Every structure is written in C-alpha cells, then in structure tokens.
N, C-alpha and C. Protein backbone atom coordinates (compact mmCIF):
# COMPACT_ATOMS: atom_id res chain seq x y z
N MET A 1 0.83 -1.18 0.00
CA MET A 1 0.00 0.00 0.00
C MET A 1 0.88 1.24 0.00
N THR A 2 0.51 2.17 -0.80
CA THR A 2 1.26 3.42 -0.84
C THR A 2 0.27 4.57 -0.86
N GLY A 3 0.80 5.75 -0.81
CA GLY A 3 -0.05 6.93 -0.88
C GLY A 3 -0.52 7.37 0.49
N TRP A 4 -1.69 7.98 0.50
CA TRP A 4 -2.23 8.59 1.71
C TRP A 4 -2.63 7.58 2.77
N SER A 5 -2.94 6.34 2.39
CA SER A 5 -3.46 5.38 3.36
C SER A 5 -2.38 4.79 4.27
N GLN A 6 -1.16 4.72 3.79
CA GLN A 6 -0.11 4.08 4.58
C GLN A 6 0.17 4.82 5.89
N PRO A 7 0.31 6.13 5.88
CA PRO A 7 0.51 6.83 7.18
C PRO A 7 -0.67 6.64 8.13
N LEU A 8 -1.88 6.61 7.58
CA LEU A 8 -3.06 6.40 8.41
C LEU A 8 -3.03 5.02 9.05
N LEU A 9 -2.73 4.00 8.27
CA LEU A 9 -2.65 2.64 8.80
C LEU A 9 -1.51 2.49 9.80
N ASP A 10 -0.38 3.12 9.53
CA ASP A 10 0.74 3.07 10.48
C ASP A 10 0.36 3.72 11.80
N GLY A 11 -0.37 4.81 11.73
CA GLY A 11 -0.82 5.49 12.95
C GLY A 11 -1.81 4.64 13.73
N LEU A 12 -2.72 4.01 13.03
CA LEU A 12 -3.71 3.15 13.69
C LEU A 12 -3.06 1.92 14.31
N ALA A 13 -2.00 1.43 13.69
CA ALA A 13 -1.32 0.24 14.21
C ALA A 13 -0.70 0.51 15.58
N GLY A 14 -0.39 1.76 15.87
CA GLY A 14 0.21 2.10 17.15
C GLY A 14 -0.79 2.39 18.25
N VAL A 15 -2.08 2.35 17.95
CA VAL A 15 -3.11 2.67 18.94
C VAL A 15 -3.37 1.44 19.81
N ASN A 16 -3.38 1.66 21.12
CA ASN A 16 -3.72 0.58 22.06
C ASN A 16 -5.24 0.44 22.09
N PRO A 17 -5.78 -0.73 21.70
CA PRO A 17 -7.23 -0.87 21.63
C PRO A 17 -7.91 -1.11 22.98
N ALA A 18 -7.16 -1.37 24.04
CA ALA A 18 -7.76 -1.71 25.33
C ALA A 18 -8.76 -0.66 25.82
N PRO A 19 -8.45 0.63 25.78
CA PRO A 19 -9.45 1.61 26.24
C PRO A 19 -10.72 1.60 25.39
N LEU A 20 -10.58 1.31 24.10
CA LEU A 20 -11.77 1.24 23.24
C LEU A 20 -12.66 0.08 23.63
N PHE A 21 -12.05 -1.05 23.98
CA PHE A 21 -12.83 -2.20 24.41
C PHE A 21 -13.58 -1.87 25.70
N ALA A 22 -12.91 -1.22 26.62
CA ALA A 22 -13.56 -0.86 27.89
C ALA A 22 -14.70 0.12 27.64
N LEU A 23 -14.47 1.10 26.77
CA LEU A 23 -15.51 2.08 26.47
C LEU A 23 -16.70 1.44 25.76
N SER A 24 -16.45 0.39 24.98
CA SER A 24 -17.55 -0.24 24.25
C SER A 24 -18.52 -0.95 25.19
N LEU A 25 -18.11 -1.22 26.41
CA LEU A 25 -19.02 -1.84 27.37
C LEU A 25 -20.16 -0.91 27.77
N ILE A 26 -19.91 0.38 27.76
CA ILE A 26 -20.93 1.34 28.19
C ILE A 26 -22.18 1.27 27.30
N PRO A 27 -22.05 1.38 25.97
CA PRO A 27 -23.28 1.27 25.17
C PRO A 27 -23.88 -0.13 25.21
N TYR A 28 -23.05 -1.16 25.37
CA TYR A 28 -23.60 -2.51 25.43
C TYR A 28 -24.40 -2.71 26.71
N LEU A 29 -23.90 -2.21 27.83
CA LEU A 29 -24.66 -2.30 29.07
C LEU A 29 -25.94 -1.49 28.98
N ALA A 30 -25.89 -0.35 28.30
CA ALA A 30 -27.11 0.44 28.08
C ALA A 30 -28.11 -0.36 27.23
N PHE A 31 -27.61 -1.04 26.20
CA PHE A 31 -28.49 -1.89 25.39
C PHE A 31 -29.12 -2.98 26.24
N LEU A 32 -28.35 -3.63 27.10
CA LEU A 32 -28.91 -4.68 27.95
C LEU A 32 -29.99 -4.12 28.88
N TRP A 33 -29.75 -2.94 29.44
CA TRP A 33 -30.75 -2.32 30.30
C TRP A 33 -32.03 -2.04 29.50
N TRP A 34 -31.85 -1.43 28.32
CA TRP A 34 -32.99 -1.09 27.47
C TRP A 34 -33.74 -2.36 27.06
N ALA A 35 -33.03 -3.39 26.66
CA ALA A 35 -33.67 -4.64 26.22
C ALA A 35 -34.44 -5.28 27.36
N ARG A 36 -33.95 -5.13 28.56
CA ARG A 36 -34.63 -5.71 29.73
C ARG A 36 -35.97 -5.02 29.98
N GLN A 37 -36.09 -3.75 29.56
CA GLN A 37 -37.32 -2.99 29.78
C GLN A 37 -38.43 -3.36 28.79
N ILE A 38 -38.06 -3.99 27.69
CA ILE A 38 -39.03 -4.31 26.64
C ILE A 38 -39.80 -5.55 27.02
N ARG A 39 -41.11 -5.44 27.04
CA ARG A 39 -41.94 -6.59 27.40
C ARG A 39 -41.82 -7.73 26.40
N GLY A 40 -41.63 -7.41 25.14
CA GLY A 40 -41.58 -8.44 24.11
C GLY A 40 -40.24 -9.14 23.98
N MET A 41 -39.25 -8.71 24.74
CA MET A 41 -37.93 -9.35 24.63
C MET A 41 -37.99 -10.74 25.25
N PRO A 42 -37.73 -11.78 24.46
CA PRO A 42 -37.73 -13.13 25.03
C PRO A 42 -36.64 -13.27 26.09
N PRO A 43 -36.97 -13.83 27.24
CA PRO A 43 -35.98 -13.95 28.32
C PRO A 43 -34.71 -14.71 27.89
N LEU A 44 -34.87 -15.78 27.12
CA LEU A 44 -33.68 -16.53 26.69
C LEU A 44 -32.81 -15.69 25.76
N ALA A 45 -33.43 -14.91 24.90
CA ALA A 45 -32.66 -14.03 24.01
C ALA A 45 -31.90 -12.99 24.84
N TRP A 46 -32.57 -12.41 25.84
CA TRP A 46 -31.89 -11.43 26.69
C TRP A 46 -30.70 -12.08 27.41
N ARG A 47 -30.91 -13.30 27.91
CA ARG A 47 -29.79 -14.00 28.57
C ARG A 47 -28.65 -14.26 27.60
N GLY A 48 -28.99 -14.54 26.36
CA GLY A 48 -27.94 -14.72 25.35
C GLY A 48 -27.15 -13.45 25.12
N PHE A 49 -27.86 -12.32 25.04
CA PHE A 49 -27.15 -11.05 24.90
C PHE A 49 -26.27 -10.79 26.12
N ALA A 50 -26.79 -11.08 27.30
CA ALA A 50 -26.01 -10.89 28.53
C ALA A 50 -24.82 -11.84 28.57
N PHE A 51 -25.01 -13.06 28.05
CA PHE A 51 -23.93 -14.05 28.05
C PHE A 51 -22.75 -13.60 27.17
N THR A 52 -23.02 -12.66 26.27
CA THR A 52 -21.93 -12.10 25.47
C THR A 52 -20.86 -11.50 26.37
N LEU A 53 -21.27 -11.00 27.55
CA LEU A 53 -20.29 -10.46 28.50
C LEU A 53 -19.39 -11.57 29.04
N VAL A 54 -19.91 -12.78 29.15
CA VAL A 54 -19.09 -13.93 29.55
C VAL A 54 -18.05 -14.19 28.46
N PHE A 55 -18.47 -14.09 27.20
CA PHE A 55 -17.52 -14.22 26.08
C PHE A 55 -16.42 -13.17 26.18
N VAL A 56 -16.81 -11.94 26.46
CA VAL A 56 -15.82 -10.86 26.58
C VAL A 56 -14.84 -11.16 27.70
N ALA A 57 -15.36 -11.57 28.85
CA ALA A 57 -14.48 -11.90 29.98
C ALA A 57 -13.58 -13.08 29.63
N GLY A 58 -14.14 -14.10 28.97
CA GLY A 58 -13.34 -15.25 28.57
C GLY A 58 -12.26 -14.88 27.58
N THR A 59 -12.57 -13.94 26.70
CA THR A 59 -11.58 -13.48 25.73
C THR A 59 -10.44 -12.75 26.42
N VAL A 60 -10.78 -11.94 27.41
CA VAL A 60 -9.74 -11.21 28.16
C VAL A 60 -8.83 -12.20 28.88
N VAL A 61 -9.45 -13.16 29.58
CA VAL A 61 -8.67 -14.17 30.30
C VAL A 61 -7.83 -14.98 29.31
N GLY A 62 -8.44 -15.39 28.20
CA GLY A 62 -7.70 -16.15 27.19
C GLY A 62 -6.53 -15.37 26.62
N SER A 63 -6.72 -14.09 26.40
CA SER A 63 -5.63 -13.25 25.88
C SER A 63 -4.49 -13.16 26.86
N ILE A 64 -4.82 -13.00 28.13
CA ILE A 64 -3.78 -12.93 29.16
C ILE A 64 -3.02 -14.24 29.23
N LEU A 65 -3.76 -15.35 29.22
CA LEU A 65 -3.10 -16.67 29.26
C LEU A 65 -2.24 -16.91 28.03
N ALA A 66 -2.76 -16.55 26.86
CA ALA A 66 -1.99 -16.75 25.63
C ALA A 66 -0.69 -15.95 25.67
N SER A 67 -0.78 -14.74 26.17
CA SER A 67 0.41 -13.88 26.23
C SER A 67 1.40 -14.37 27.27
N SER A 68 0.90 -14.71 28.47
CA SER A 68 1.82 -15.07 29.55
C SER A 68 2.36 -16.49 29.42
N LEU A 69 1.55 -17.42 28.95
CA LEU A 69 2.00 -18.81 28.86
C LEU A 69 2.69 -19.15 27.54
N HIS A 70 2.25 -18.51 26.47
CA HIS A 70 2.76 -18.88 25.15
C HIS A 70 3.47 -17.74 24.43
N GLY A 71 3.43 -16.55 24.99
CA GLY A 71 4.07 -15.41 24.34
C GLY A 71 3.44 -15.10 22.98
N ALA A 72 2.14 -15.36 22.86
CA ALA A 72 1.45 -15.18 21.59
C ALA A 72 0.12 -14.49 21.80
N ARG A 73 -0.49 -14.12 20.68
CA ARG A 73 -1.84 -13.54 20.72
C ARG A 73 -2.85 -14.66 20.89
N LEU A 74 -4.02 -14.32 21.38
CA LEU A 74 -5.09 -15.30 21.57
C LEU A 74 -5.40 -16.02 20.26
N ALA A 75 -5.45 -15.29 19.16
CA ALA A 75 -5.78 -15.88 17.87
C ALA A 75 -4.77 -16.94 17.43
N ASP A 76 -3.58 -16.90 18.01
CA ASP A 76 -2.53 -17.84 17.62
C ASP A 76 -2.45 -19.08 18.51
N VAL A 77 -3.25 -19.14 19.57
CA VAL A 77 -3.26 -20.30 20.46
C VAL A 77 -4.62 -20.97 20.31
N ASP A 78 -4.66 -21.98 19.45
CA ASP A 78 -5.93 -22.57 19.04
C ASP A 78 -6.83 -23.04 20.19
N PRO A 79 -6.33 -23.75 21.19
CA PRO A 79 -7.24 -24.20 22.25
C PRO A 79 -7.90 -23.04 23.01
N LEU A 80 -7.14 -22.01 23.28
CA LEU A 80 -7.70 -20.84 23.98
C LEU A 80 -8.65 -20.07 23.08
N HIS A 81 -8.25 -19.88 21.84
CA HIS A 81 -9.09 -19.15 20.90
C HIS A 81 -10.40 -19.91 20.65
N GLY A 82 -10.29 -21.21 20.48
CA GLY A 82 -11.49 -22.02 20.27
C GLY A 82 -12.42 -21.98 21.47
N SER A 83 -11.86 -22.00 22.66
CA SER A 83 -12.69 -21.93 23.87
C SER A 83 -13.43 -20.61 23.95
N ALA A 84 -12.76 -19.54 23.61
CA ALA A 84 -13.42 -18.23 23.62
C ALA A 84 -14.53 -18.19 22.57
N GLU A 85 -14.27 -18.74 21.40
CA GLU A 85 -15.28 -18.75 20.34
C GLU A 85 -16.49 -19.60 20.71
N VAL A 86 -16.28 -20.66 21.49
CA VAL A 86 -17.40 -21.47 21.95
C VAL A 86 -18.34 -20.62 22.79
N LEU A 87 -17.78 -19.75 23.63
CA LEU A 87 -18.62 -18.86 24.45
C LEU A 87 -19.48 -17.95 23.57
N LEU A 88 -18.89 -17.44 22.50
CA LEU A 88 -19.66 -16.59 21.59
C LEU A 88 -20.74 -17.40 20.87
N THR A 89 -20.41 -18.62 20.49
CA THR A 89 -21.39 -19.47 19.83
C THR A 89 -22.56 -19.78 20.75
N VAL A 90 -22.27 -20.07 22.02
CA VAL A 90 -23.34 -20.34 22.99
C VAL A 90 -24.24 -19.11 23.11
N SER A 91 -23.64 -17.94 23.19
CA SER A 91 -24.41 -16.70 23.27
C SER A 91 -25.32 -16.55 22.05
N ASN A 92 -24.76 -16.77 20.87
CA ASN A 92 -25.55 -16.63 19.65
C ASN A 92 -26.70 -17.64 19.59
N VAL A 93 -26.44 -18.87 20.02
CA VAL A 93 -27.49 -19.89 20.00
C VAL A 93 -28.61 -19.52 20.99
N MET A 94 -28.24 -18.98 22.14
CA MET A 94 -29.26 -18.56 23.11
C MET A 94 -30.15 -17.46 22.53
N VAL A 95 -29.54 -16.50 21.86
CA VAL A 95 -30.32 -15.42 21.23
C VAL A 95 -31.24 -16.00 20.16
N LEU A 96 -30.68 -16.86 19.32
CA LEU A 96 -31.47 -17.47 18.25
C LEU A 96 -32.65 -18.26 18.80
N LEU A 97 -32.38 -19.14 19.77
CA LEU A 97 -33.45 -19.96 20.33
C LEU A 97 -34.49 -19.12 21.06
N GLY A 98 -34.04 -18.05 21.70
CA GLY A 98 -34.98 -17.17 22.39
C GLY A 98 -35.95 -16.52 21.42
N PHE A 99 -35.45 -15.96 20.32
CA PHE A 99 -36.33 -15.32 19.35
C PHE A 99 -37.13 -16.35 18.56
N GLN A 100 -36.55 -17.50 18.29
CA GLN A 100 -37.29 -18.54 17.59
C GLN A 100 -38.46 -19.02 18.44
N GLY A 101 -38.22 -19.26 19.72
CA GLY A 101 -39.29 -19.68 20.61
C GLY A 101 -40.40 -18.65 20.70
N ALA A 102 -40.03 -17.37 20.77
CA ALA A 102 -41.02 -16.30 20.83
C ALA A 102 -41.82 -16.25 19.53
N SER A 103 -41.15 -16.45 18.42
CA SER A 103 -41.84 -16.44 17.13
C SER A 103 -42.83 -17.59 17.02
N ILE A 104 -42.43 -18.76 17.46
CA ILE A 104 -43.32 -19.93 17.43
C ILE A 104 -44.52 -19.70 18.34
N ARG A 105 -44.28 -19.17 19.55
CA ARG A 105 -45.38 -18.90 20.48
C ARG A 105 -46.37 -17.90 19.88
N ARG A 106 -45.87 -16.84 19.25
CA ARG A 106 -46.77 -15.84 18.65
C ARG A 106 -47.59 -16.45 17.51
N ARG A 107 -46.93 -17.24 16.69
CA ARG A 107 -47.64 -17.88 15.59
C ARG A 107 -48.74 -18.81 16.11
N THR A 108 -48.42 -19.57 17.15
CA THR A 108 -49.40 -20.48 17.75
C THR A 108 -50.57 -19.70 18.34
N GLN A 109 -50.27 -18.59 19.02
CA GLN A 109 -51.34 -17.78 19.61
C GLN A 109 -52.23 -17.16 18.54
N ARG A 110 -51.63 -16.70 17.45
CA ARG A 110 -52.43 -16.11 16.36
C ARG A 110 -53.32 -17.17 15.71
N ALA A 111 -52.76 -18.36 15.52
CA ALA A 111 -53.56 -19.43 14.90
C ALA A 111 -54.71 -19.82 15.82
N ALA A 112 -54.47 -19.89 17.12
CA ALA A 112 -55.53 -20.23 18.07
C ALA A 112 -56.60 -19.15 18.09
N ALA A 113 -56.20 -17.90 18.03
CA ALA A 113 -57.17 -16.79 18.01
C ALA A 113 -57.99 -16.83 16.73
N ALA A 114 -57.36 -17.15 15.62
CA ALA A 114 -58.08 -17.23 14.35
C ALA A 114 -59.10 -18.37 14.37
N ARG A 115 -58.73 -19.50 14.98
CA ARG A 115 -59.66 -20.62 15.08
C ARG A 115 -60.86 -20.26 15.97
N ARG A 116 -60.59 -19.54 17.06
CA ARG A 116 -61.70 -19.13 17.95
C ARG A 116 -62.65 -18.20 17.22
N GLU A 117 -62.12 -17.26 16.45
CA GLU A 117 -62.95 -16.32 15.73
C GLU A 117 -63.76 -17.02 14.64
N ALA A 118 -63.15 -18.00 14.02
CA ALA A 118 -63.84 -18.73 12.95
C ALA A 118 -64.86 -19.71 13.51
N GLY A 119 -64.63 -20.09 14.75
CA GLY A 119 -65.28 -21.14 15.42
C GLY A 119 -66.67 -21.29 15.62
C-alpha cells in the first residue's frame, strides 16, 4: 500500500485498543438495560445477549493466558481461541433460540385466536 493510506494505517497500528474495548461496554450495558425494559424481549434471548459479556471476559482471560504462557496472541493459540469462540457461539445460540421460541409462540397464539374467531 502506498499513498495517503499508509501513514493512516501506520498510525492506527500504534493505537492501544484496550481503552476502546472498555468504552464499548458502556453502550452494550445500556443496550442490555434497554432490552430488559421491553416486554416483548424473550428472556432466553436477553440471557444470550447478557452471556456475550461472559464471552468478553473469557476473551480477556484467554488473551492474558496466551500472552503469559505462550508469548502469543489469543488468535494464535488454538485451544484458547477455540474456547473463547465457543462462548460466543453459545451466546448466539441462546439469542437465536430465544427469538425462535417467541416467534413460534406468537404464531401459535395467532392461529388459536383465528380458530376461535372462525369457530
């Protein structure tokens, strides 16, 4: 890469991302609070969103272990990286199943109401 983008990329490469990760928790916690206030939010989906914080904590711990035990980044230590990704997968499945269950319940309720009206 040459031209105007190289100095920009070099500058970004020197930025420590840790404060950005910490700051990103603020809007995510606000989202969790807001989602908890919504009556239609499926409880399992909300728990899945909250479980994402477990993924974040696991990633932090995994990064520390990868650095201190292996002198490498988390992405370069497959067992640790895979374990962290499992946490994210569990979170995603919880969100999916929560919304899927809510969708099935709504469909069933609408069908029952339609049968009563036709009845």
